[in-house]
Protein backbone atom coordinates (compact mmCIF):
# COMPACT_ATOMS: atom_id res chain seq x y z
CA UNK A 1 -27.21 6.91 8.71
CA UNK A 2 -25.69 3.76 7.49
CA UNK A 3 -22.32 2.63 9.68
CA UNK A 4 -19.50 2.57 6.99
CA UNK A 5 -18.48 -1.23 6.61
CA UNK A 6 -14.99 -0.47 5.08
CA UNK A 7 -11.95 -0.67 7.49
CA UNK A 8 -10.15 2.58 7.98
CA UNK A 9 -6.90 2.56 6.73
CA UNK A 10 -4.23 4.08 8.82
CA UNK A 11 -2.42 7.31 7.28
CA UNK A 12 1.17 6.84 7.84
CA UNK A 13 1.38 10.60 6.92
CA UNK A 14 -0.80 11.72 10.11
CA UNK A 15 1.63 10.18 12.65
CA UNK A 16 5.32 10.61 13.15
CA UNK A 17 7.17 7.88 11.32
CA UNK A 18 9.48 5.78 13.73
CA UNK A 19 13.28 5.81 12.57
CA UNK A 20 14.28 2.25 11.24
CA UNK A 21 17.72 1.12 10.98
CA UNK A 22 17.57 -1.34 7.86
CA UNK A 23 20.92 -0.24 6.17
CA UNK A 24 23.33 -3.04 7.18
CA UNK A 25 20.71 -5.71 8.10
CA UNK A 26 19.91 -9.13 6.33
CA UNK A 27 17.94 -7.67 3.25
CA UNK A 28 15.44 -10.56 2.99
CA UNK A 29 12.05 -8.78 2.97
CA UNK A 30 10.63 -10.92 5.66
CA UNK A 31 13.62 -9.74 7.91
CA UNK A 32 13.11 -6.48 6.98
CA UNK A 33 9.62 -5.98 7.44
CA UNK A 34 9.76 -7.64 10.72
CA UNK A 35 12.29 -5.01 11.85
CA UNK A 36 9.87 -2.40 10.69
CA UNK A 37 7.09 -3.78 12.26
CA UNK A 38 8.96 -3.67 15.65
CA UNK A 39 9.77 -0.25 15.38
CA UNK A 40 6.41 0.83 14.42
CA UNK A 41 5.09 -1.45 17.42
CA UNK A 42 7.82 0.31 19.99
CA UNK A 43 6.61 3.61 18.89
CA UNK A 44 2.85 2.45 19.68
CA UNK A 45 1.60 2.02 16.14
CA UNK A 46 0.49 -1.64 16.27
CA UNK A 47 -2.39 -0.82 13.72
CA UNK A 48 -0.08 0.85 11.39
CA UNK A 49 2.00 -2.30 11.61
CA UNK A 50 -0.44 -4.60 10.93
CA UNK A 51 -1.56 -2.76 7.82
CA UNK A 52 1.71 -2.27 6.66
CA UNK A 53 2.77 -6.15 7.04
CA UNK A 54 -0.42 -6.89 5.15
CA UNK A 55 0.28 -4.48 2.44
CA UNK A 56 3.95 -5.87 1.88
CA UNK A 57 2.90 -9.39 1.60
CA UNK A 58 0.62 -8.38 -1.28
CA UNK A 59 3.58 -6.55 -2.95
CA UNK A 60 4.37 -7.76 -6.64
CA UNK A 61 8.07 -7.26 -5.99
CA UNK A 62 10.61 -6.43 -3.75
CA UNK A 63 11.04 -2.85 -4.44
CA UNK A 64 7.30 -2.54 -4.15
CA UNK A 65 7.68 -4.10 -0.85
CA UNK A 66 10.50 -1.85 0.32
CA UNK A 67 8.59 1.45 -0.80
CA UNK A 68 5.62 0.39 1.27
CA UNK A 69 7.96 0.08 4.48
CA UNK A 70 9.33 3.20 3.78
CA UNK A 71 5.81 4.87 3.76
CA UNK A 72 5.51 3.69 7.44
CA UNK A 73 9.08 4.09 8.84
CA UNK A 74 11.81 6.68 8.18
CA UNK A 75 14.56 3.90 6.80
CA UNK A 76 18.24 4.99 7.84
C-alpha cells in the first residue's frame, strides 16, 4: 500500500473551537489572526493554529480571512 503523501488537514469541526474575543480589538487582520492563533495554542490546538494562519495569509480579502478565523475559533 502506498503511503498518502498529502498532509492531513486539521478539521476544526472535529475539535471544540476555543472562545476568542475579537470584538473591540484592533481590526488589523494580522492582529486578529494572532489573537485567534494564541487562543488555539492555549487550547492545545497547535496544528490548527498553523493551518489557520496559513489559510488566512492565502485569503483574497479581509472578509475571507475573517471567515477563516471564525472556522477555527468561536469569535465573540
